């Protein structure tokens, strides 16, 4: 089958050992001129009263945000929160059998929303919100998750990013290989089809977002919010703007949207043009 393209304030010690706990702090804008922040969604103001938001995905119309409610002691499983592009909360859905921190990062193929949890990658029908199946990934737990139309990408607090090829059969194990070693400390990931690259967010309080080329080589380490700790990442392509959204685990938890349209000329391009005259 070929799939259709595109952190109570402290957690208990067991969970604190496995997932980064969102930290409080006032963020400052970085100096990257290309990644201009063009959208901001305060998740608490949107009605998600928790600091345990970890992942995000875009289904083509709305955002899905994962929330490890079990970390706050108020539920036995995590939740999905569905928000429109303006941050209006539209719905909430229980994550089926996803305990503790629940599903981490998300990605979508247009039919299913995929979420990484333990060694599994669960997938949900984006129309009904029902869990349809799962397949096995290479890491425990899989955290970062992205899809390029053919392959999945995952990592977990690591510089290594794995590329997964899945046969489309629920219950099967995806074939995987280390695709890149250029991430800083991966927690979230998003495949940017327009720029043909993978964006990887870090949860190491550096504020770095890695941009990795389609061949796994490094394009750049971008610092967009100084000392930020990120959760998941997703692309939200709302024409004419190609948007990268990252979930900052801060005070409050928030989605930050950045313009990553490939319409700015860099110095090398300018040099090439000038040489023609």
Foldseek 3Di string as FASTA:
>chain_A
DFFAAWAVQHFPPVVVVADPQQEADDWDFDDDPQFDWDDKAQQVVLPPPDLLWFEWEDLQFWIWIKGQCVRVVPDQFIKIWIAGPNSHTDDIGTDPPQGGSGFHYWYYNNQWIWTWGAQKIWIAGPVPRHTDAIEGEDHGTWAAWEDGSAWIWTDAQALWIKIWGDPPDGHYYTDIDGQASHDDTFGYWYQQNVQQWIWGFHQPQQQWIWTAHNSHHGPDTDRGIGRWGWHYWYWHPDPPFTWIWTWTSYVHTMIIITGNPPPDDDPVRVVVVVVVD
